[in-house]
Structure formats: structure tokens, C-alpha cells
Amino acid sequence: MDEAIVLLYHHIDPAPDRPFAITPRLFQEHIDALLQHGYHVISTGELVFPAFRYVRY
């Protein structure tokens, strides 16, 4: 595949008290929904440097 949809989360915080912040639980729900709809989640590093997809730390 030669395209990507990029999502940006400003802050992930257990007690979000500022605009554009969400809880870790809500973030996980977003990721789960993406996976359930057939999306494959990768890091920015994997997007910019495709070889990173095959390196596991």
C-alpha cells in the first residue's frame, strides 16, 4: 500500500485537564476501533522508514 492516514493526538493523559487531551482508555478505544475496521496501526518511524516495520526491540 502506498498511502497512509495520519492521526495526531496532542495529549494522552489519565486526568486530561486541557483541550485536545484524552485518557489512555479512550485512546485505546480509538485504536481498537481502527483495528476492528481493518486498519493497520504503525508508528511514525515505520511510516518514514519502512524498514523499521521489520525491526522488533
PDB file of N, CA and C in Angstrom:
ATOM      1  N   MET A   1       0.848  -1.179   0.000  1.00  0.00           N
ATOM      2  CA  MET A   1       0.000   0.000   0.000  1.00  0.00           C
ATOM      3  C   MET A   1       0.891   1.238   0.000  1.00  0.00           C
ATOM      4  N   ASP A   2       0.512   2.241  -0.715  1.00  0.00           N
ATOM      5  CA  ASP A   2       1.352   3.426  -0.830  1.00  0.00           C
ATOM      6  C   ASP A   2       0.667   4.684  -0.299  1.00  0.00           C
ATOM      7  N   GLU A   3      -0.218   4.525   0.656  1.00  0.00           N
ATOM      8  CA  GLU A   3      -0.847   5.694   1.266  1.00  0.00           C
ATOM      9  C   GLU A   3      -1.048   5.431   2.752  1.00  0.00           C
ATOM     10  N   ALA A   4      -1.199   6.511   3.504  1.00  0.00           N
ATOM     11  CA  ALA A   4      -1.406   6.395   4.950  1.00  0.00           C
ATOM     12  C   ALA A   4      -2.351   7.493   5.420  1.00  0.00           C
ATOM     13  N   ILE A   5      -3.128   7.147   6.412  1.00  0.00           N
ATOM     14  CA  ILE A   5      -3.947   8.134   7.117  1.00  0.00           C
ATOM     15  C   ILE A   5      -3.224   8.417   8.422  1.00  0.00           C
ATOM     16  N   VAL A   6      -2.954   9.672   8.703  1.00  0.00           N
ATOM     17  CA  VAL A   6      -2.199  10.041   9.888  1.00  0.00           C
ATOM     18  C   VAL A   6      -3.136  10.689  10.902  1.00  0.00           C
ATOM     19  N   LEU A   7      -3.124  10.154  12.122  1.00  0.00           N
ATOM     20  CA  LEU A   7      -3.892  10.735  13.222  1.00  0.00           C
ATOM     21  C   LEU A   7      -2.917  11.381  14.195  1.00  0.00           C
ATOM     22  N   LEU A   8      -3.305  12.503  14.747  1.00  0.00           N
ATOM     23  CA  LEU A   8      -2.457  13.224  15.690  1.00  0.00           C
ATOM     24  C   LEU A   8      -3.195  13.373  17.006  1.00  0.00           C
ATOM     25  N   TYR A   9      -2.587  12.902  18.050  1.00  0.00           N
ATOM     26  CA  TYR A   9      -3.126  13.085  19.396  1.00  0.00           C
ATOM     27  C   TYR A   9      -2.189  14.040  20.121  1.00  0.00           C
ATOM     28  N   HIS A  10      -2.734  15.136  20.599  1.00  0.00           N
ATOM     29  CA  HIS A  10      -1.908  16.143  21.260  1.00  0.00           C
ATOM     30  C   HIS A  10      -1.433  15.684  22.632  1.00  0.00           C
ATOM     31  N   HIS A  11      -2.352  15.136  23.416  1.00  0.00           N
ATOM     32  CA  HIS A  11      -2.007  14.693  24.776  1.00  0.00           C
ATOM     33  C   HIS A  11      -2.839  13.471  25.130  1.00  0.00           C
ATOM     34  N   ILE A  12      -2.167  12.468  25.700  1.00  0.00           N
ATOM     35  CA  ILE A  12      -2.851  11.311  26.259  1.00  0.00           C
ATOM     36  C   ILE A  12      -2.502  11.333  27.740  1.00  0.00           C
ATOM     37  N   ASP A  13      -3.512  11.526  28.571  1.00  0.00           N
ATOM     38  CA  ASP A  13      -3.281  11.801  29.986  1.00  0.00           C
ATOM     39  C   ASP A  13      -4.378  11.141  30.819  1.00  0.00           C
ATOM     40  N   PRO A  14      -4.005  10.456  31.913  1.00  0.00           N
ATOM     41  CA  PRO A  14      -5.017   9.820  32.756  1.00  0.00           C
ATOM     42  C   PRO A  14      -6.044  10.807  33.323  1.00  0.00           C
ATOM     43  N   ALA A  15      -5.635  12.042  33.510  1.00  0.00           N
ATOM     44  CA  ALA A  15      -6.544  13.070  34.029  1.00  0.00           C
ATOM     45  C   ALA A  15      -6.484  14.283  33.102  1.00  0.00           C
ATOM     46  N   PRO A  16      -7.082  14.166  31.906  1.00  0.00           N
ATOM     47  CA  PRO A  16      -6.976  15.266  30.942  1.00  0.00           C
ATOM     48  C   PRO A  16      -7.691  16.524  31.446  1.00  0.00           C
ATOM     49  N   ASP A  17      -6.924  17.582  31.561  1.00  0.00           N
ATOM     50  CA  ASP A  17      -7.494  18.843  32.054  1.00  0.00           C
ATOM     51  C   ASP A  17      -7.194  19.998  31.100  1.00  0.00           C
ATOM     52  N   ARG A  18      -6.941  19.656  29.867  1.00  0.00           N
ATOM     53  CA  ARG A  18      -6.654  20.698  28.868  1.00  0.00           C
ATOM     54  C   ARG A  18      -7.312  20.320  27.552  1.00  0.00           C
ATOM     55  N   PRO A  19      -7.502  21.291  26.704  1.00  0.00           N
ATOM     56  CA  PRO A  19      -8.113  20.989  25.400  1.00  0.00           C
ATOM     57  C   PRO A  19      -7.263  19.984  24.608  1.00  0.00           C
ATOM     58  N   PHE A  20      -7.912  19.189  23.832  1.00  0.00           N
ATOM     59  CA  PHE A  20      -7.259  18.222  22.944  1.00  0.00           C
ATOM     60  C   PHE A  20      -6.545  17.091  23.680  1.00  0.00           C
ATOM     61  N   ALA A  21      -6.905  16.839  24.929  1.00  0.00           N
ATOM     62  CA  ALA A  21      -6.335  15.718  25.681  1.00  0.00           C
ATOM     63  C   ALA A  21      -7.393  14.639  25.846  1.00  0.00           C
ATOM     64  N   ILE A  22      -6.953  13.377  25.780  1.00  0.00           N
ATOM     65  CA  ILE A  22      -7.857  12.263  26.021  1.00  0.00           C
ATOM     66  C   ILE A  22      -7.200  11.292  26.995  1.00  0.00           C
ATOM     67  N   THR A  23      -8.007  10.433  27.587  1.00  0.00           N
ATOM     68  CA  THR A  23      -7.481   9.447  28.524  1.00  0.00           C
ATOM     69  C   THR A  23      -6.848   8.279  27.761  1.00  0.00           C
ATOM     70  N   PRO A  24      -5.949   7.553  28.424  1.00  0.00           N
ATOM     71  CA  PRO A  24      -5.380   6.360  27.785  1.00  0.00           C
ATOM     72  C   PRO A  24      -6.468   5.358  27.393  1.00  0.00           C
ATOM     73  N   ARG A  25      -7.510   5.243  28.201  1.00  0.00           N
ATOM     74  CA  ARG A  25      -8.597   4.314  27.882  1.00  0.00           C
ATOM     75  C   ARG A  25      -9.298   4.706  26.578  1.00  0.00           C
ATOM     76  N   LEU A  26      -9.602   6.000  26.420  1.00  0.00           N
ATOM     77  CA  LEU A  26     -10.252   6.451  25.191  1.00  0.00           C
ATOM     78  C   LEU A  26      -9.326   6.275  23.993  1.00  0.00           C
ATOM     79  N   PHE A  27      -8.044   6.536  24.173  1.00  0.00           N
ATOM     80  CA  PHE A  27      -7.075   6.313  23.098  1.00  0.00           C
ATOM     81  C   PHE A  27      -7.089   4.845  22.679  1.00  0.00           C
ATOM     82  N   GLN A  28      -7.089   3.934  23.661  1.00  0.00           N
ATOM     83  CA  GLN A  28      -7.126   2.503  23.349  1.00  0.00           C
ATOM     84  C   GLN A  28      -8.411   2.142  22.610  1.00  0.00           C
ATOM     85  N   GLU A  29      -9.516   2.756  22.985  1.00  0.00           N
ATOM     86  CA  GLU A  29     -10.778   2.508  22.279  1.00  0.00           C
ATOM     87  C   GLU A  29     -10.680   2.964  20.816  1.00  0.00           C
ATOM     88  N   HIS A  30     -10.014   4.078  20.586  1.00  0.00           N
ATOM     89  CA  HIS A  30      -9.820   4.554  19.209  1.00  0.00           C
ATOM     90  C   HIS A  30      -8.981   3.555  18.408  1.00  0.00           C
ATOM     91  N   ILE A  31      -7.892   3.077  19.002  1.00  0.00           N
ATOM     92  CA  ILE A  31      -7.021   2.115  18.323  1.00  0.00           C
ATOM     93  C   ILE A  31      -7.778   0.824  18.040  1.00  0.00           C
ATOM     94  N   ASP A  32      -8.536   0.350  19.027  1.00  0.00           N
ATOM     95  CA  ASP A  32      -9.318  -0.875  18.846  1.00  0.00           C
ATOM     96  C   ASP A  32     -10.321  -0.716  17.699  1.00  0.00           C
ATOM     97  N   ALA A  33     -10.975   0.435  17.629  1.00  0.00           N
ATOM     98  CA  ALA A  33     -11.959   0.682  16.555  1.00  0.00           C
ATOM     99  C   ALA A  33     -11.273   0.672  15.194  1.00  0.00           C
ATOM    100  N   LEU A  34     -10.105   1.267  15.102  1.00  0.00           N
ATOM    101  CA  LEU A  34      -9.363   1.257  13.831  1.00  0.00           C
ATOM    102  C   LEU A  34      -9.026  -0.171  13.414  1.00  0.00           C
ATOM    103  N   LEU A  35      -8.543  -0.959  14.364  1.00  0.00           N
ATOM    104  CA  LEU A  35      -8.184  -2.346  14.068  1.00  0.00           C
ATOM    105  C   LEU A  35      -9.414  -3.151  13.649  1.00  0.00           C
ATOM    106  N   GLN A  36     -10.530  -2.936  14.330  1.00  0.00           N
ATOM    107  CA  GLN A  36     -11.767  -3.657  14.002  1.00  0.00           C
ATOM    108  C   GLN A  36     -12.269  -3.316  12.600  1.00  0.00           C
ATOM    109  N   HIS A  37     -11.923  -2.135  12.114  1.00  0.00           N
ATOM    110  CA  HIS A  37     -12.355  -1.717  10.779  1.00  0.00           C
ATOM    111  C   HIS A  37     -11.294  -1.990   9.706  1.00  0.00           C
ATOM    112  N   GLY A  38     -10.301  -2.803  10.061  1.00  0.00           N
ATOM    113  CA  GLY A  38      -9.333  -3.253   9.064  1.00  0.00           C
ATOM    114  C   GLY A  38      -8.116  -2.381   8.872  1.00  0.00           C
ATOM    115  N   TYR A  39      -7.950  -1.362   9.702  1.00  0.00           N
ATOM    116  CA  TYR A  39      -6.757  -0.526   9.588  1.00  0.00           C
ATOM    117  C   TYR A  39      -5.588  -1.205  10.272  1.00  0.00           C
ATOM    118  N   HIS A  40      -4.391  -0.901   9.799  1.00  0.00           N
ATOM    119  CA  HIS A  40      -3.157  -1.415  10.378  1.00  0.00           C
ATOM    120  C   HIS A  40      -2.429  -0.232  10.998  1.00  0.00           C
ATOM    121  N   VAL A  41      -2.181  -0.301  12.286  1.00  0.00           N
ATOM    122  CA  VAL A  41      -1.569   0.813  13.006  1.00  0.00           C
ATOM    123  C   VAL A  41      -0.055   0.650  13.009  1.00  0.00           C
ATOM    124  N   ILE A  42       0.656   1.718  12.609  1.00  0.00           N
ATOM    125  CA  ILE A  42       2.121   1.718  12.633  1.00  0.00           C
ATOM    126  C   ILE A  42       2.596   3.011  13.289  1.00  0.00           C
ATOM    127  N   SER A  43       3.854   3.018  13.662  1.00  0.00           N
ATOM    128  CA  SER A  43       4.451   4.213  14.262  1.00  0.00           C
ATOM    129  C   SER A  43       4.887   5.202  13.176  1.00  0.00           C
ATOM    130  N   THR A  44       5.206   6.400  13.588  1.00  0.00           N
ATOM    131  CA  THR A  44       5.725   7.390  12.643  1.00  0.00           C
ATOM    132  C   THR A  44       7.033   6.901  12.026  1.00  0.00           C
ATOM    133  N   GLY A  45       7.875   6.270  12.851  1.00  0.00           N
ATOM    134  CA  GLY A  45       9.137   5.734  12.348  1.00  0.00           C
ATOM    135  C   GLY A  45       8.922   4.711  11.248  1.00  0.00           C
ATOM    136  N   GLU A  46       7.901   3.853  11.416  1.00  0.00           N
ATOM    137  CA  GLU A  46       7.608   2.856  10.395  1.00  0.00           C
ATOM    138  C   GLU A  46       7.089   3.503   9.116  1.00  0.00           C
ATOM    139  N   LEU A  47       6.400   4.607   9.242  1.00  0.00           N
ATOM    140  CA  LEU A  47       5.902   5.314   8.068  1.00  0.00           C
ATOM    141  C   LEU A  47       7.045   5.984   7.309  1.00  0.00           C
ATOM    142  N   VAL A  48       7.927   6.643   8.044  1.00  0.00           N
ATOM    143  CA  VAL A  48       9.015   7.400   7.428  1.00  0.00           C
ATOM    144  C   VAL A  48      10.137   6.480   6.949  1.00  0.00           C
ATOM    145  N   PHE A  49      10.429   5.445   7.730  1.00  0.00           N
ATOM    146  CA  PHE A  49      11.494   4.498   7.402  1.00  0.00           C
ATOM    147  C   PHE A  49      10.881   3.097   7.338  1.00  0.00           C
ATOM    148  N   PRO A  50      10.354   2.694   6.191  1.00  0.00           N
ATOM    149  CA  PRO A  50       9.635   1.421   6.080  1.00  0.00           C
ATOM    150  C   PRO A  50      10.403   0.210   6.604  1.00  0.00           C
ATOM    151  N   ALA A  51      11.717   0.229   6.576  1.00  0.00           N
ATOM    152  CA  ALA A  51      12.489  -0.913   7.078  1.00  0.00           C
ATOM    153  C   ALA A  51      12.241  -1.137   8.567  1.00  0.00           C
ATOM    154  N   PHE A  52      11.826  -0.094   9.314  1.00  0.00           N
ATOM    155  CA  PHE A  52      11.550  -0.232  10.743  1.00  0.00           C
ATOM    156  C   PHE A  52      10.417  -1.219  11.004  1.00  0.00           C
ATOM    157  N   ARG A  53       9.573  -1.472  10.002  1.00  0.00           N
ATOM    158  CA  ARG A  53       8.456  -2.392  10.197  1.00  0.00           C
ATOM    159  C   ARG A  53       8.923  -3.794  10.539  1.00  0.00           C
ATOM    160  N   TYR A  54      10.165  -4.099  10.189  1.00  0.00           N
ATOM    161  CA  TYR A  54      10.670  -5.460  10.383  1.00  0.00           C
ATOM    162  C   TYR A  54      11.647  -5.565  11.545  1.00  0.00           C
ATOM    163  N   VAL A  55      11.842  -4.486  12.278  1.00  0.00           N
ATOM    164  CA  VAL A  55      12.746  -4.487  13.422  1.00  0.00           C
ATOM    165  C   VAL A  55      11.907  -4.512  14.687  1.00  0.00           C
ATOM    166  N   ARG A  56      12.143  -5.492  15.535  1.00  0.00           N
ATOM    167  CA  ARG A  56      11.432  -5.589  16.817  1.00  0.00           C
ATOM    168  C   ARG A  56      12.444  -5.446  17.936  1.00  0.00           C
ATOM    169  N   TYR A  57      12.121  -4.622  18.897  1.00  0.00           N
ATOM    170  CA  TYR A  57      13.041  -4.356  20.009  1.00  0.00           C
ATOM    171  C   TYR A  57      12.688  -5.193  21.212  1.00  0.00           C
TER     172      TYR A  57
END
